[in-house]
């Protein structure tokens, strides 16, 4: 990620880009994905853009990674049945398009409301 240009997630944190925010604390923000792949599809994003992917985050700040997982569990309880998938894409060939670490919380199928 270019140091001179903030990621789309940093711009959401700064409220430069609108988002349907469902959770926020001092370190993390979570919001609905604009292109949902399941009945519940939330993005959980650390407010720092210091880590491009989950491997960097785990090495650099494991406590922040644990906060993300805790937030995922809380959000799944609030927005779904408590059951969820938590996906971190790492690298372009794995589907990562924003190089500001983030997790996709998915639960249910579009139109069906059940886990696949």
N, C-alpha and C. Protein backbone atom coordinates (compact mmCIF):
# COMPACT_ATOMS: atom_id res chain seq x y z
N UNK A 1 0.85 -1.18 0.00
CA UNK A 1 0.00 0.00 0.00
C UNK A 1 0.89 1.24 0.00
N UNK A 2 0.53 2.19 -0.74
CA UNK A 2 1.29 3.43 -0.82
C UNK A 2 1.19 4.18 0.51
N UNK A 3 2.32 4.63 1.02
CA UNK A 3 2.30 5.38 2.27
C UNK A 3 1.64 6.74 2.09
N UNK A 4 1.66 7.26 0.87
CA UNK A 4 1.10 8.59 0.64
C UNK A 4 -0.41 8.57 0.49
N UNK A 5 -0.98 7.42 0.20
CA UNK A 5 -2.41 7.34 -0.01
C UNK A 5 -3.05 6.39 1.00
N UNK A 6 -4.00 6.86 1.79
CA UNK A 6 -4.63 5.99 2.79
C UNK A 6 -5.52 4.93 2.12
N UNK A 7 -5.64 3.79 2.77
CA UNK A 7 -6.51 2.74 2.25
C UNK A 7 -7.97 3.18 2.34
N UNK A 8 -8.82 2.49 1.62
CA UNK A 8 -10.26 2.77 1.69
C UNK A 8 -10.75 2.59 3.13
N UNK A 9 -10.18 1.64 3.86
CA UNK A 9 -10.61 1.42 5.25
C UNK A 9 -10.18 2.57 6.15
N UNK A 10 -9.00 3.11 5.93
CA UNK A 10 -8.56 4.28 6.70
C UNK A 10 -9.49 5.45 6.41
N UNK A 11 -9.93 5.56 5.18
CA UNK A 11 -10.84 6.65 4.82
C UNK A 11 -12.22 6.44 5.45
N UNK A 12 -12.64 5.18 5.62
CA UNK A 12 -13.90 4.90 6.33
C UNK A 12 -13.75 5.26 7.80
N UNK A 13 -12.63 4.88 8.42
CA UNK A 13 -12.37 5.23 9.82
C UNK A 13 -12.43 6.74 10.00
N UNK A 14 -11.87 7.48 9.05
CA UNK A 14 -11.84 8.95 9.11
C UNK A 14 -13.17 9.58 8.71
N UNK A 15 -14.14 8.75 8.34
CA UNK A 15 -15.48 9.20 7.92
C UNK A 15 -15.44 9.98 6.62
N UNK A 16 -14.42 9.75 5.80
CA UNK A 16 -14.36 10.35 4.47
C UNK A 16 -15.23 9.59 3.49
N UNK A 17 -15.43 8.31 3.76
CA UNK A 17 -16.28 7.44 2.94
C UNK A 17 -17.34 6.86 3.85
N UNK A 18 -18.62 6.94 3.47
CA UNK A 18 -19.66 6.40 4.35
C UNK A 18 -19.65 4.87 4.39
N UNK A 19 -20.08 4.33 5.51
CA UNK A 19 -20.21 2.89 5.68
C UNK A 19 -21.31 2.63 6.70
N UNK A 20 -21.91 1.46 6.62
CA UNK A 20 -22.92 1.04 7.59
C UNK A 20 -22.17 0.37 8.75
N UNK A 21 -21.75 1.18 9.69
CA UNK A 21 -20.92 0.73 10.81
C UNK A 21 -21.79 0.01 11.83
N UNK A 22 -21.34 -1.19 12.23
CA UNK A 22 -22.09 -2.01 13.19
C UNK A 22 -21.34 -2.18 14.51
N UNK A 23 -20.07 -1.80 14.54
CA UNK A 23 -19.25 -1.92 15.76
C UNK A 23 -18.06 -0.99 15.63
N UNK A 24 -17.69 -0.40 16.77
CA UNK A 24 -16.48 0.41 16.78
C UNK A 24 -15.99 0.54 18.21
N UNK A 25 -14.67 0.43 18.37
CA UNK A 25 -14.02 0.77 19.63
C UNK A 25 -12.75 1.55 19.30
N UNK A 26 -11.86 1.69 20.24
CA UNK A 26 -10.66 2.49 20.00
C UNK A 26 -9.75 1.90 18.93
N UNK A 27 -9.80 0.56 18.74
CA UNK A 27 -8.85 -0.11 17.88
C UNK A 27 -9.43 -0.71 16.61
N UNK A 28 -10.73 -0.96 16.60
CA UNK A 28 -11.36 -1.74 15.53
C UNK A 28 -12.65 -1.05 15.07
N UNK A 29 -12.95 -1.23 13.80
CA UNK A 29 -14.24 -0.81 13.25
C UNK A 29 -14.79 -2.00 12.44
N UNK A 30 -16.10 -2.16 12.46
CA UNK A 30 -16.73 -3.21 11.66
C UNK A 30 -17.93 -2.60 10.95
N UNK A 31 -18.11 -3.03 9.70
CA UNK A 31 -19.21 -2.48 8.90
C UNK A 31 -19.65 -3.52 7.88
N UNK A 32 -20.84 -3.30 7.33
CA UNK A 32 -21.39 -4.21 6.33
C UNK A 32 -20.62 -4.08 5.02
N UNK A 33 -20.36 -5.23 4.41
CA UNK A 33 -19.70 -5.25 3.11
C UNK A 33 -20.68 -4.72 2.07
N UNK A 34 -20.20 -3.89 1.13
CA UNK A 34 -21.10 -3.32 0.12
C UNK A 34 -21.43 -4.32 -0.98
N UNK A 35 -20.72 -5.45 -1.01
CA UNK A 35 -20.99 -6.51 -1.98
C UNK A 35 -21.09 -7.83 -1.22
N UNK A 36 -22.17 -8.01 -0.44
CA UNK A 36 -22.24 -9.18 0.45
C UNK A 36 -22.25 -10.51 -0.29
N UNK A 37 -21.53 -11.47 0.29
CA UNK A 37 -21.45 -12.82 -0.26
C UNK A 37 -22.24 -13.81 0.60
N UNK A 38 -22.93 -13.32 1.62
CA UNK A 38 -23.76 -14.14 2.51
C UNK A 38 -24.80 -13.24 3.14
N UNK A 39 -25.77 -13.84 3.80
CA UNK A 39 -26.84 -13.07 4.44
C UNK A 39 -26.25 -12.04 5.42
N UNK A 40 -25.23 -12.44 6.16
CA UNK A 40 -24.47 -11.52 7.01
C UNK A 40 -23.04 -11.51 6.46
N UNK A 41 -22.58 -10.34 6.06
CA UNK A 41 -21.21 -10.19 5.57
C UNK A 41 -20.68 -8.87 6.11
N UNK A 42 -19.87 -8.97 7.15
CA UNK A 42 -19.30 -7.81 7.81
C UNK A 42 -17.79 -7.81 7.61
N UNK A 43 -17.21 -6.63 7.56
CA UNK A 43 -15.77 -6.47 7.52
C UNK A 43 -15.31 -5.98 8.89
N UNK A 44 -14.31 -6.63 9.44
CA UNK A 44 -13.74 -6.25 10.73
C UNK A 44 -12.33 -5.76 10.44
N UNK A 45 -12.07 -4.49 10.79
CA UNK A 45 -10.86 -3.81 10.34
C UNK A 45 -10.19 -3.11 11.51
N UNK A 46 -8.90 -3.38 11.74
CA UNK A 46 -8.17 -2.56 12.71
C UNK A 46 -8.07 -1.13 12.20
N UNK A 47 -8.11 -0.18 13.09
CA UNK A 47 -8.03 1.22 12.66
C UNK A 47 -6.63 1.59 12.17
N UNK A 48 -5.63 0.86 12.58
CA UNK A 48 -4.28 1.10 12.08
C UNK A 48 -4.10 0.43 10.73
N UNK A 49 -3.41 1.10 9.83
CA UNK A 49 -3.10 0.47 8.54
C UNK A 49 -1.65 -0.01 8.51
N UNK A 50 -1.09 -0.25 9.70
CA UNK A 50 0.30 -0.68 9.81
C UNK A 50 0.54 -2.10 9.30
N UNK A 51 -0.52 -2.90 9.19
CA UNK A 51 -0.38 -4.30 8.79
C UNK A 51 -1.17 -4.55 7.51
N UNK A 52 -0.49 -5.07 6.50
CA UNK A 52 -1.13 -5.31 5.21
C UNK A 52 -1.99 -6.57 5.23
N UNK A 53 -1.60 -7.56 6.06
CA UNK A 53 -2.34 -8.83 6.05
C UNK A 53 -2.29 -9.47 7.44
N UNK A 54 -2.99 -10.57 7.59
CA UNK A 54 -3.12 -11.21 8.90
C UNK A 54 -1.79 -11.78 9.40
N UNK A 55 -0.91 -12.20 8.51
CA UNK A 55 0.39 -12.72 8.93
C UNK A 55 1.20 -11.60 9.59
N UNK A 56 1.21 -10.43 8.97
CA UNK A 56 1.90 -9.28 9.56
C UNK A 56 1.26 -8.89 10.90
N UNK A 57 -0.06 -8.92 10.97
CA UNK A 57 -0.75 -8.56 12.21
C UNK A 57 -0.43 -9.55 13.32
N UNK A 58 -0.46 -10.84 13.02
CA UNK A 58 -0.18 -11.86 14.03
C UNK A 58 1.24 -11.71 14.58
N UNK A 59 2.19 -11.38 13.71
CA UNK A 59 3.57 -11.20 14.15
C UNK A 59 3.76 -9.88 14.91
N UNK A 60 3.07 -8.84 14.46
CA UNK A 60 3.29 -7.50 15.01
C UNK A 60 2.44 -7.13 16.20
N UNK A 61 1.21 -7.65 16.25
CA UNK A 61 0.29 -7.27 17.33
C UNK A 61 -0.75 -8.37 17.55
N UNK A 62 -0.33 -9.49 18.14
CA UNK A 62 -1.28 -10.59 18.34
C UNK A 62 -2.48 -10.21 19.21
N UNK A 63 -2.31 -9.25 20.10
CA UNK A 63 -3.44 -8.83 20.94
C UNK A 63 -4.52 -8.16 20.08
N UNK A 64 -4.12 -7.40 19.08
CA UNK A 64 -5.08 -6.77 18.18
C UNK A 64 -5.81 -7.83 17.36
N UNK A 65 -5.10 -8.85 16.91
CA UNK A 65 -5.73 -9.96 16.20
C UNK A 65 -6.76 -10.64 17.10
N UNK A 66 -6.41 -10.85 18.35
CA UNK A 66 -7.36 -11.45 19.31
C UNK A 66 -8.59 -10.56 19.49
N UNK A 67 -8.40 -9.25 19.51
CA UNK A 67 -9.55 -8.33 19.59
C UNK A 67 -10.47 -8.48 18.39
N UNK A 68 -9.88 -8.68 17.22
CA UNK A 68 -10.69 -8.86 16.01
C UNK A 68 -11.53 -10.13 16.11
N UNK A 69 -10.93 -11.19 16.60
CA UNK A 69 -11.67 -12.46 16.75
C UNK A 69 -12.77 -12.30 17.80
N UNK A 70 -12.48 -11.63 18.90
CA UNK A 70 -13.49 -11.38 19.92
C UNK A 70 -14.65 -10.56 19.35
N UNK A 71 -14.32 -9.53 18.57
CA UNK A 71 -15.36 -8.71 17.94
C UNK A 71 -16.19 -9.55 16.99
N UNK A 72 -15.55 -10.45 16.26
CA UNK A 72 -16.28 -11.33 15.33
C UNK A 72 -17.29 -12.19 16.08
N UNK A 73 -16.88 -12.76 17.18
CA UNK A 73 -17.80 -13.59 17.97
C UNK A 73 -18.97 -12.77 18.48
N UNK A 74 -18.69 -11.57 18.97
CA UNK A 74 -19.76 -10.69 19.46
C UNK A 74 -20.72 -10.31 18.33
N UNK A 75 -20.17 -9.94 17.18
CA UNK A 75 -20.99 -9.54 16.04
C UNK A 75 -21.82 -10.71 15.51
N UNK A 76 -21.25 -11.90 15.51
CA UNK A 76 -22.00 -13.07 15.05
C UNK A 76 -23.17 -13.37 15.98
N UNK A 77 -22.98 -13.13 17.26
CA UNK A 77 -24.09 -13.31 18.21
C UNK A 77 -25.18 -12.27 17.97
N UNK A 78 -24.78 -11.05 17.69
CA UNK A 78 -25.74 -9.95 17.49
C UNK A 78 -26.44 -10.01 16.13
N UNK A 79 -25.75 -10.45 15.10
CA UNK A 79 -26.28 -10.34 13.73
C UNK A 79 -26.61 -11.67 13.08
N UNK A 80 -26.29 -12.76 13.74
CA UNK A 80 -26.53 -14.08 13.16
C UNK A 80 -26.82 -15.06 14.30
N UNK A 81 -26.67 -16.30 14.02
CA UNK A 81 -26.97 -17.35 15.01
C UNK A 81 -25.83 -17.58 15.99
N UNK A 82 -24.75 -16.85 15.85
CA UNK A 82 -23.56 -17.08 16.64
C UNK A 82 -22.56 -17.95 15.90
N UNK A 83 -22.99 -18.55 14.80
CA UNK A 83 -22.10 -19.36 13.97
C UNK A 83 -21.64 -18.51 12.80
N UNK A 84 -20.36 -18.66 12.45
CA UNK A 84 -19.81 -17.78 11.41
C UNK A 84 -18.56 -18.37 10.81
N UNK A 85 -18.19 -17.80 9.67
CA UNK A 85 -16.90 -18.03 9.04
C UNK A 85 -16.12 -16.73 9.15
N UNK A 86 -14.85 -16.82 9.44
CA UNK A 86 -13.99 -15.65 9.52
C UNK A 86 -12.86 -15.86 8.52
N UNK A 87 -12.82 -14.99 7.51
CA UNK A 87 -11.89 -15.19 6.39
C UNK A 87 -10.94 -14.00 6.29
N UNK A 88 -9.65 -14.31 6.23
CA UNK A 88 -8.62 -13.33 5.96
C UNK A 88 -7.99 -13.70 4.61
N UNK A 89 -8.13 -12.87 3.61
CA UNK A 89 -7.44 -13.08 2.33
C UNK A 89 -6.05 -12.47 2.46
N UNK A 90 -5.03 -13.23 2.07
CA UNK A 90 -3.66 -12.77 2.21
C UNK A 90 -2.95 -12.90 0.87
N UNK A 91 -2.80 -11.77 0.20
CA UNK A 91 -2.14 -11.73 -1.10
C UNK A 91 -3.12 -11.65 -2.25
N UNK A 92 -2.69 -11.06 -3.34
CA UNK A 92 -3.56 -10.87 -4.50
C UNK A 92 -4.13 -12.16 -5.07
N UNK A 93 -3.33 -13.22 -5.14
CA UNK A 93 -3.84 -14.46 -5.72
C UNK A 93 -4.84 -15.16 -4.80
N UNK A 94 -4.90 -14.73 -3.54
CA UNK A 94 -5.89 -15.26 -2.59
C UNK A 94 -7.13 -14.38 -2.52
N UNK A 95 -7.18 -13.34 -3.35
CA UNK A 95 -8.35 -12.48 -3.40
C UNK A 95 -8.23 -11.19 -2.61
N UNK A 96 -7.08 -10.92 -2.01
CA UNK A 96 -6.94 -9.67 -1.26
C UNK A 96 -6.82 -8.51 -2.23
N UNK A 97 -7.69 -7.53 -2.07
CA UNK A 97 -7.66 -6.35 -2.94
C UNK A 97 -7.35 -5.07 -2.18
N UNK A 98 -7.54 -5.08 -0.86
CA UNK A 98 -7.19 -3.93 -0.02
C UNK A 98 -6.10 -4.41 0.93
N UNK A 99 -4.94 -3.77 0.88
CA UNK A 99 -3.80 -4.24 1.65
C UNK A 99 -3.69 -3.48 2.98
N UNK A 100 -4.79 -3.54 3.69
CA UNK A 100 -4.99 -3.07 5.06
C UNK A 100 -5.71 -4.24 5.69
N UNK A 101 -5.05 -4.96 6.60
CA UNK A 101 -5.60 -6.22 7.11
C UNK A 101 -7.07 -6.06 7.50
N UNK A 102 -7.87 -7.07 7.15
CA UNK A 102 -9.28 -7.07 7.49
C UNK A 102 -9.80 -8.50 7.43
N UNK A 103 -10.84 -8.74 8.19
CA UNK A 103 -11.47 -10.05 8.21
C UNK A 103 -12.88 -9.92 7.66
N UNK A 104 -13.29 -10.94 6.92
CA UNK A 104 -14.67 -11.05 6.45
C UNK A 104 -15.39 -12.00 7.39
N UNK A 105 -16.44 -11.50 8.05
CA UNK A 105 -17.30 -12.35 8.86
C UNK A 105 -18.52 -12.68 8.01
N UNK A 106 -18.74 -13.96 7.77
CA UNK A 106 -19.87 -14.40 6.95
C UNK A 106 -20.73 -15.38 7.74
N UNK A 107 -22.04 -15.24 7.59
CA UNK A 107 -22.96 -16.18 8.20
C UNK A 107 -24.20 -16.25 7.35
N UNK A 108 -24.66 -17.45 7.09
CA UNK A 108 -25.85 -17.65 6.29
C UNK A 108 -25.57 -17.47 4.81
N UNK A 109 -26.53 -17.86 4.00
CA UNK A 109 -26.43 -17.71 2.55
C UNK A 109 -27.38 -16.62 2.11
N UNK A 110 -27.05 -15.94 1.05
CA UNK A 110 -27.95 -14.91 0.53
C UNK A 110 -29.26 -15.58 0.16
N UNK A 111 -30.36 -15.08 0.71
CA UNK A 111 -31.68 -15.58 0.39
C UNK A 111 -32.10 -16.83 1.17
N UNK A 112 -31.16 -17.50 1.84
CA UNK A 112 -31.52 -18.72 2.55
C UNK A 112 -31.43 -18.58 4.07
N UNK A 113 -30.48 -17.78 4.54
CA UNK A 113 -30.35 -17.56 5.97
C UNK A 113 -29.76 -18.74 6.73
N UNK A 114 -29.11 -19.67 6.04
CA UNK A 114 -28.46 -20.79 6.72
C UNK A 114 -27.01 -20.88 6.29
N UNK A 115 -26.19 -21.46 7.14
CA UNK A 115 -24.79 -21.65 6.79
C UNK A 115 -24.66 -22.70 5.72
N UNK A 116 -23.75 -22.47 4.79
CA UNK A 116 -23.49 -23.42 3.73
C UNK A 116 -22.38 -24.37 4.09
